[in-house]
């Protein structure tokens, strides 16, 4: 059975589907907060827009210009379609990784590795969030980093995506979804 069919079989169970979407949604919120596209400030209700062609303008290496600002009491959301797309892809992969890792932890008989291996396999899912905000972390801690090291952060988002896909495939290849209880 292919990894895609195994994933569909796992997500056919409502608990794992809710777990994957819930973790992915929470991860997306944290991703947008890290990019400062979502902040918990603002007064009144306000909607501001700009030209949609500006959505391709970069504000960083892998971050893009917002085209809409929605301000509500206590919440400001800067909508950047490409940031949401990138964050949504990483969040979906992270949510799926964590849900399948939970399955491997709860049903070790369905997987061909032990529980600790399943938890270690979820580390790329947990660490991928650092890819978006690693430059900000460097600035917050005030570390003296060389420009070469800061330039290396450009590849963190694509590497995080590749690691998440690879980890998901690895876990799914070792999972026997037929052994799961109904």
C-alpha atoms as a PDB file:
ATOM      1  CA  UNK A   1       0.000   0.000   0.000  1.00  0.00           C
ATOM      2  CA  UNK A   2       1.421   3.408  -0.945  1.00  0.00           C
ATOM      3  CA  UNK A   3       2.119   6.169   1.570  1.00  0.00           C
ATOM      4  CA  UNK A   4      -0.708   8.232   0.055  1.00  0.00           C
ATOM      5  CA  UNK A   5      -3.234   5.421   0.622  1.00  0.00           C
ATOM      6  CA  UNK A   6      -1.991   4.900   4.160  1.00  0.00           C
ATOM      7  CA  UNK A   7      -2.375   8.606   4.887  1.00  0.00           C
ATOM      8  CA  UNK A   8      -5.912   8.568   3.468  1.00  0.00           C
ATOM      9  CA  UNK A   9      -6.677   5.507   5.589  1.00  0.00           C
ATOM     10  CA  UNK A  10      -5.408   7.257   8.734  1.00  0.00           C
ATOM     11  CA  UNK A  11      -7.256  10.501   7.979  1.00  0.00           C
ATOM     12  CA  UNK A  12     -10.457   8.534   7.379  1.00  0.00           C
ATOM     13  CA  UNK A  13     -10.597   8.140  11.157  1.00  0.00           C
ATOM     14  CA  UNK A  14     -12.218  11.270  12.629  1.00  0.00           C
ATOM     15  CA  UNK A  15      -9.899  11.457  15.658  1.00  0.00           C
ATOM     16  CA  UNK A  16      -6.707  11.546  13.582  1.00  0.00           C
ATOM     17  CA  UNK A  17      -8.251  13.952  11.067  1.00  0.00           C
ATOM     18  CA  UNK A  18      -9.227  16.369  13.873  1.00  0.00           C
ATOM     19  CA  UNK A  19      -5.812  15.944  15.476  1.00  0.00           C
ATOM     20  CA  UNK A  20      -3.947  16.692  12.221  1.00  0.00           C
ATOM     21  CA  UNK A  21      -6.095  19.719  11.342  1.00  0.00           C
ATOM     22  CA  UNK A  22      -6.069  21.044  14.911  1.00  0.00           C
ATOM     23  CA  UNK A  23      -2.293  20.780  15.255  1.00  0.00           C
ATOM     24  CA  UNK A  24      -1.800  22.187  11.764  1.00  0.00           C
ATOM     25  CA  UNK A  25      -4.141  25.111  12.475  1.00  0.00           C
ATOM     26  CA  UNK A  26      -2.380  25.898  15.734  1.00  0.00           C
ATOM     27  CA  UNK A  27       0.961  25.666  13.969  1.00  0.00           C
ATOM     28  CA  UNK A  28      -0.237  28.090  11.264  1.00  0.00           C
ATOM     29  CA  UNK A  29      -1.295  30.592  13.925  1.00  0.00           C
ATOM     30  CA  UNK A  30       2.135  30.344  15.569  1.00  0.00           C
ATOM     31  CA  UNK A  31       3.794  30.690  12.148  1.00  0.00           C
ATOM     32  CA  UNK A  32       1.836  33.885  11.415  1.00  0.00           C
ATOM     33  CA  UNK A  33       2.620  35.261  14.880  1.00  0.00           C
ATOM     34  CA  UNK A  34       6.332  34.544  14.322  1.00  0.00           C
ATOM     35  CA  UNK A  35       6.180  36.448  11.019  1.00  0.00           C
ATOM     36  CA  UNK A  36       4.277  39.241  12.797  1.00  0.00           C
ATOM     37  CA  UNK A  37       1.390  38.888  10.325  1.00  0.00           C
ATOM     38  CA  UNK A  38      -0.855  38.178  13.301  1.00  0.00           C
ATOM     39  CA  UNK A  39      -0.595  40.268  16.441  1.00  0.00           C
ATOM     40  CA  UNK A  40      -2.707  40.747  19.491  1.00  0.00           C
ATOM     41  CA  UNK A  41      -3.057  44.499  19.334  1.00  0.00           C
ATOM     42  CA  UNK A  42      -5.408  46.882  17.660  1.00  0.00           C
ATOM     43  CA  UNK A  43      -8.309  49.132  18.445  1.00  0.00           C
ATOM     44  CA  UNK A  44     -11.589  49.543  16.667  1.00  0.00           C
ATOM     45  CA  UNK A  45     -12.545  47.863  13.429  1.00  0.00           C
ATOM     46  CA  UNK A  46     -10.617  48.735  10.294  1.00  0.00           C
ATOM     47  CA  UNK A  47      -9.980  47.136   6.910  1.00  0.00           C
ATOM     48  CA  UNK A  48      -7.191  48.463   4.723  1.00  0.00           C
ATOM     49  CA  UNK A  49      -6.231  47.117   1.319  1.00  0.00           C
ATOM     50  CA  UNK A  50      -3.459  47.740  -1.154  1.00  0.00           C
ATOM     51  CA  UNK A  51      -2.756  46.658  -4.712  1.00  0.00           C
ATOM     52  CA  UNK A  52      -2.865  42.881  -5.108  1.00  0.00           C
ATOM     53  CA  UNK A  53       0.229  43.017  -7.320  1.00  0.00           C
ATOM     54  CA  UNK A  54       2.247  43.926  -4.205  1.00  0.00           C
ATOM     55  CA  UNK A  55       1.732  40.424  -2.818  1.00  0.00           C
ATOM     56  CA  UNK A  56       4.843  39.331  -4.751  1.00  0.00           C
ATOM     57  CA  UNK A  57       7.046  42.011  -3.139  1.00  0.00           C
ATOM     58  CA  UNK A  58       9.427  40.487  -0.620  1.00  0.00           C
ATOM     59  CA  UNK A  59       9.812  41.768   2.906  1.00  0.00           C
ATOM     60  CA  UNK A  60      12.455  39.141   3.680  1.00  0.00           C
ATOM     61  CA  UNK A  61      13.992  36.070   2.154  1.00  0.00           C
ATOM     62  CA  UNK A  62      10.832  33.961   2.234  1.00  0.00           C
ATOM     63  CA  UNK A  63       8.305  36.512   3.471  1.00  0.00           C
ATOM     64  CA  UNK A  64       6.058  38.649   1.335  1.00  0.00           C
ATOM     65  CA  UNK A  65       4.176  41.940   1.481  1.00  0.00           C
ATOM     66  CA  UNK A  66       0.658  41.911   2.984  1.00  0.00           C
ATOM     67  CA  UNK A  67      -2.164  43.161   0.782  1.00  0.00           C
ATOM     68  CA  UNK A  68      -4.888  43.450   3.410  1.00  0.00           C
ATOM     69  CA  UNK A  69      -4.970  44.586   7.010  1.00  0.00           C
ATOM     70  CA  UNK A  70      -7.848  43.581   9.232  1.00  0.00           C
ATOM     71  CA  UNK A  71      -7.911  45.282  12.618  1.00  0.00           C
ATOM     72  CA  UNK A  72     -10.346  44.191  15.305  1.00  0.00           C
ATOM     73  CA  UNK A  73     -10.330  45.069  18.996  1.00  0.00           C
ATOM     74  CA  UNK A  74      -7.273  43.255  20.335  1.00  0.00           C
ATOM     75  CA  UNK A  75      -6.265  41.634  17.023  1.00  0.00           C
ATOM     76  CA  UNK A  76      -4.492  42.762  13.874  1.00  0.00           C
ATOM     77  CA  UNK A  77      -4.107  40.420  10.890  1.00  0.00           C
ATOM     78  CA  UNK A  78      -1.911  41.350   7.947  1.00  0.00           C
ATOM     79  CA  UNK A  79      -3.008  39.092   5.095  1.00  0.00           C
ATOM     80  CA  UNK A  80      -0.186  38.094   2.810  1.00  0.00           C
ATOM     81  CA  UNK A  81      -1.424  35.355   0.470  1.00  0.00           C
ATOM     82  CA  UNK A  82       2.035  33.916  -0.121  1.00  0.00           C
ATOM     83  CA  UNK A  83       2.925  33.886   3.590  1.00  0.00           C
ATOM     84  CA  UNK A  84      -0.350  32.098   4.327  1.00  0.00           C
ATOM     85  CA  UNK A  85       0.321  29.653   1.474  1.00  0.00           C
ATOM     86  CA  UNK A  86       3.849  28.845   2.691  1.00  0.00           C
ATOM     87  CA  UNK A  87       2.683  28.673   6.311  1.00  0.00           C
ATOM     88  CA  UNK A  88      -0.302  26.535   5.344  1.00  0.00           C
ATOM     89  CA  UNK A  89       1.898  24.039   3.516  1.00  0.00           C
ATOM     90  CA  UNK A  90       4.378  23.762   6.399  1.00  0.00           C
ATOM     91  CA  UNK A  91       1.561  23.671   8.954  1.00  0.00           C
ATOM     92  CA  UNK A  92      -0.261  20.916   7.089  1.00  0.00           C
ATOM     93  CA  UNK A  93       2.893  18.842   6.896  1.00  0.00           C
ATOM     94  CA  UNK A  94       3.675  19.468  10.567  1.00  0.00           C
ATOM     95  CA  UNK A  95       0.103  18.568  11.607  1.00  0.00           C
ATOM     96  CA  UNK A  96       0.178  15.366   9.555  1.00  0.00           C
ATOM     97  CA  UNK A  97       3.609  14.440  10.937  1.00  0.00           C
ATOM     98  CA  UNK A  98       2.511  14.970  14.513  1.00  0.00           C
ATOM     99  CA  UNK A  99      -0.774  13.089  14.021  1.00  0.00           C
ATOM    100  CA  UNK A 100       0.968  10.097  12.435  1.00  0.00           C
ATOM    101  CA  UNK A 101       3.633  10.225  15.166  1.00  0.00           C
ATOM    102  CA  UNK A 102       0.858  10.153  17.772  1.00  0.00           C
ATOM    103  CA  UNK A 103      -0.609   7.129  16.004  1.00  0.00           C
ATOM    104  CA  UNK A 104       2.810   5.429  16.095  1.00  0.00           C
ATOM    105  CA  UNK A 105       3.106   6.224  19.795  1.00  0.00           C
ATOM    106  CA  UNK A 106      -0.384   5.000  20.738  1.00  0.00           C
ATOM    107  CA  UNK A 107      -0.380   1.913  18.481  1.00  0.00           C
ATOM    108  CA  UNK A 108       3.191   0.590  18.454  1.00  0.00           C
ATOM    109  CA  UNK A 109       1.974  -2.676  16.956  1.00  0.00           C
ATOM    110  CA  UNK A 110       0.953  -0.837  13.799  1.00  0.00           C
ATOM    111  CA  UNK A 111       4.468   0.492  13.261  1.00  0.00           C
ATOM    112  CA  UNK A 112       7.757  -1.229  12.607  1.00  0.00           C
ATOM    113  CA  UNK A 113       9.702   0.897  15.074  1.00  0.00           C
ATOM    114  CA  UNK A 114       9.503   1.574  18.764  1.00  0.00           C
ATOM    115  CA  UNK A 115       7.782   4.511  20.436  1.00  0.00           C
ATOM    116  CA  UNK A 116      10.920   6.556  20.967  1.00  0.00           C
ATOM    117  CA  UNK A 117      11.795   6.354  17.262  1.00  0.00           C
ATOM    118  CA  UNK A 118       8.355   7.731  16.410  1.00  0.00           C
ATOM    119  CA  UNK A 119       8.850  10.646  18.759  1.00  0.00           C
ATOM    120  CA  UNK A 120      12.337  11.361  17.376  1.00  0.00           C
ATOM    121  CA  UNK A 121      10.875  11.237  13.863  1.00  0.00           C
ATOM    122  CA  UNK A 122       8.540  14.110  14.767  1.00  0.00           C
ATOM    123  CA  UNK A 123      11.439  16.469  15.566  1.00  0.00           C
ATOM    124  CA  UNK A 124      11.500  17.981  12.038  1.00  0.00           C
ATOM    125  CA  UNK A 125       7.818  18.824  12.504  1.00  0.00           C
ATOM    126  CA  UNK A 126       8.551  20.605  15.755  1.00  0.00           C
ATOM    127  CA  UNK A 127      11.702  22.356  14.538  1.00  0.00           C
ATOM    128  CA  UNK A 128      10.279  23.564  11.209  1.00  0.00           C
ATOM    129  CA  UNK A 129       8.657  26.499  12.974  1.00  0.00           C
ATOM    130  CA  UNK A 130      12.094  27.854  13.783  1.00  0.00           C
ATOM    131  CA  UNK A 131      12.765  28.230  10.089  1.00  0.00           C
ATOM    132  CA  UNK A 132      10.515  31.262   9.778  1.00  0.00           C
ATOM    133  CA  UNK A 133      11.674  33.119  12.829  1.00  0.00           C
ATOM    134  CA  UNK A 134      15.319  32.065  13.183  1.00  0.00           C
ATOM    135  CA  UNK A 135      16.648  35.491  12.070  1.00  0.00           C
ATOM    136  CA  UNK A 136      14.393  37.167  14.624  1.00  0.00           C
ATOM    137  CA  UNK A 137      15.675  34.838  17.356  1.00  0.00           C
ATOM    138  CA  UNK A 138      19.253  35.802  16.465  1.00  0.00           C
ATOM    139  CA  UNK A 139      18.344  39.479  16.789  1.00  0.00           C
ATOM    140  CA  UNK A 140      16.425  38.975  20.033  1.00  0.00           C
ATOM    141  CA  UNK A 141      19.346  37.278  21.743  1.00  0.00           C
ATOM    142  CA  UNK A 142      21.734  39.846  20.320  1.00  0.00           C
ATOM    143  CA  UNK A 143      24.255  37.271  19.180  1.00  0.00           C
ATOM    144  CA  UNK A 144      27.053  38.466  16.964  1.00  0.00           C
ATOM    145  CA  UNK A 145      26.467  36.373  13.872  1.00  0.00           C
ATOM    146  CA  UNK A 146      28.430  36.570  10.681  1.00  0.00           C
ATOM    147  CA  UNK A 147      26.618  37.534   7.505  1.00  0.00           C
ATOM    148  CA  UNK A 148      27.355  34.070   6.152  1.00  0.00           C
ATOM    149  CA  UNK A 149      25.470  32.440   9.028  1.00  0.00           C
ATOM    150  CA  UNK A 150      22.489  34.765   8.649  1.00  0.00           C
ATOM    151  CA  UNK A 151      22.465  34.059   4.909  1.00  0.00           C
ATOM    152  CA  UNK A 152      22.132  30.343   5.728  1.00  0.00           C
ATOM    153  CA  UNK A 153      18.674  31.065   7.149  1.00  0.00           C
ATOM    154  CA  UNK A 154      17.423  31.559   3.570  1.00  0.00           C
ATOM    155  CA  UNK A 155      17.351  27.817   3.040  1.00  0.00           C
ATOM    156  CA  UNK A 156      15.628  26.900   6.306  1.00  0.00           C
ATOM    157  CA  UNK A 157      12.047  27.042   4.990  1.00  0.00           C
ATOM    158  CA  UNK A 158      12.703  24.841   1.932  1.00  0.00           C
ATOM    159  CA  UNK A 159      14.812  22.456   4.027  1.00  0.00           C
ATOM    160  CA  UNK A 160      12.046  22.315   6.648  1.00  0.00           C
ATOM    161  CA  UNK A 161       9.533  21.424   3.920  1.00  0.00           C
ATOM    162  CA  UNK A 162      11.766  18.678   2.514  1.00  0.00           C
ATOM    163  CA  UNK A 163      12.415  17.267   6.001  1.00  0.00           C
ATOM    164  CA  UNK A 164       8.703  17.260   6.810  1.00  0.00           C
ATOM    165  CA  UNK A 165       7.820  15.434   3.585  1.00  0.00           C
ATOM    166  CA  UNK A 166      10.660  12.949   4.102  1.00  0.00           C
ATOM    167  CA  UNK A 167       9.718  12.293   7.716  1.00  0.00           C
ATOM    168  CA  UNK A 168       6.054  11.811   6.836  1.00  0.00           C
ATOM    169  CA  UNK A 169       6.960   9.339   4.101  1.00  0.00           C
ATOM    170  CA  UNK A 170       9.338   7.485   6.436  1.00  0.00           C
ATOM    171  CA  UNK A 171       6.698   7.106   9.138  1.00  0.00           C
ATOM    172  CA  UNK A 172       3.975   6.123   6.661  1.00  0.00           C
ATOM    173  CA  UNK A 173       6.219   3.523   4.997  1.00  0.00           C
ATOM    174  CA  UNK A 174       6.694   1.869   8.384  1.00  0.00           C
ATOM    175  CA  UNK A 175       3.036   2.017   9.406  1.00  0.00           C
ATOM    176  CA  UNK A 176       0.575  -0.822   8.849  1.00  0.00           C
ATOM    177  CA  UNK A 177      -2.814   0.887   8.852  1.00  0.00           C
ATOM    178  CA  UNK A 178      -4.567  -2.481   8.592  1.00  0.00           C
ATOM    179  CA  UNK A 179      -3.339  -3.288  12.119  1.00  0.00           C
ATOM    180  CA  UNK A 180      -5.168  -0.316  13.621  1.00  0.00           C
ATOM    181  CA  UNK A 181      -8.275  -0.972  15.655  1.00  0.00           C
ATOM    182  CA  UNK A 182     -11.424   0.338  14.033  1.00  0.00           C
END
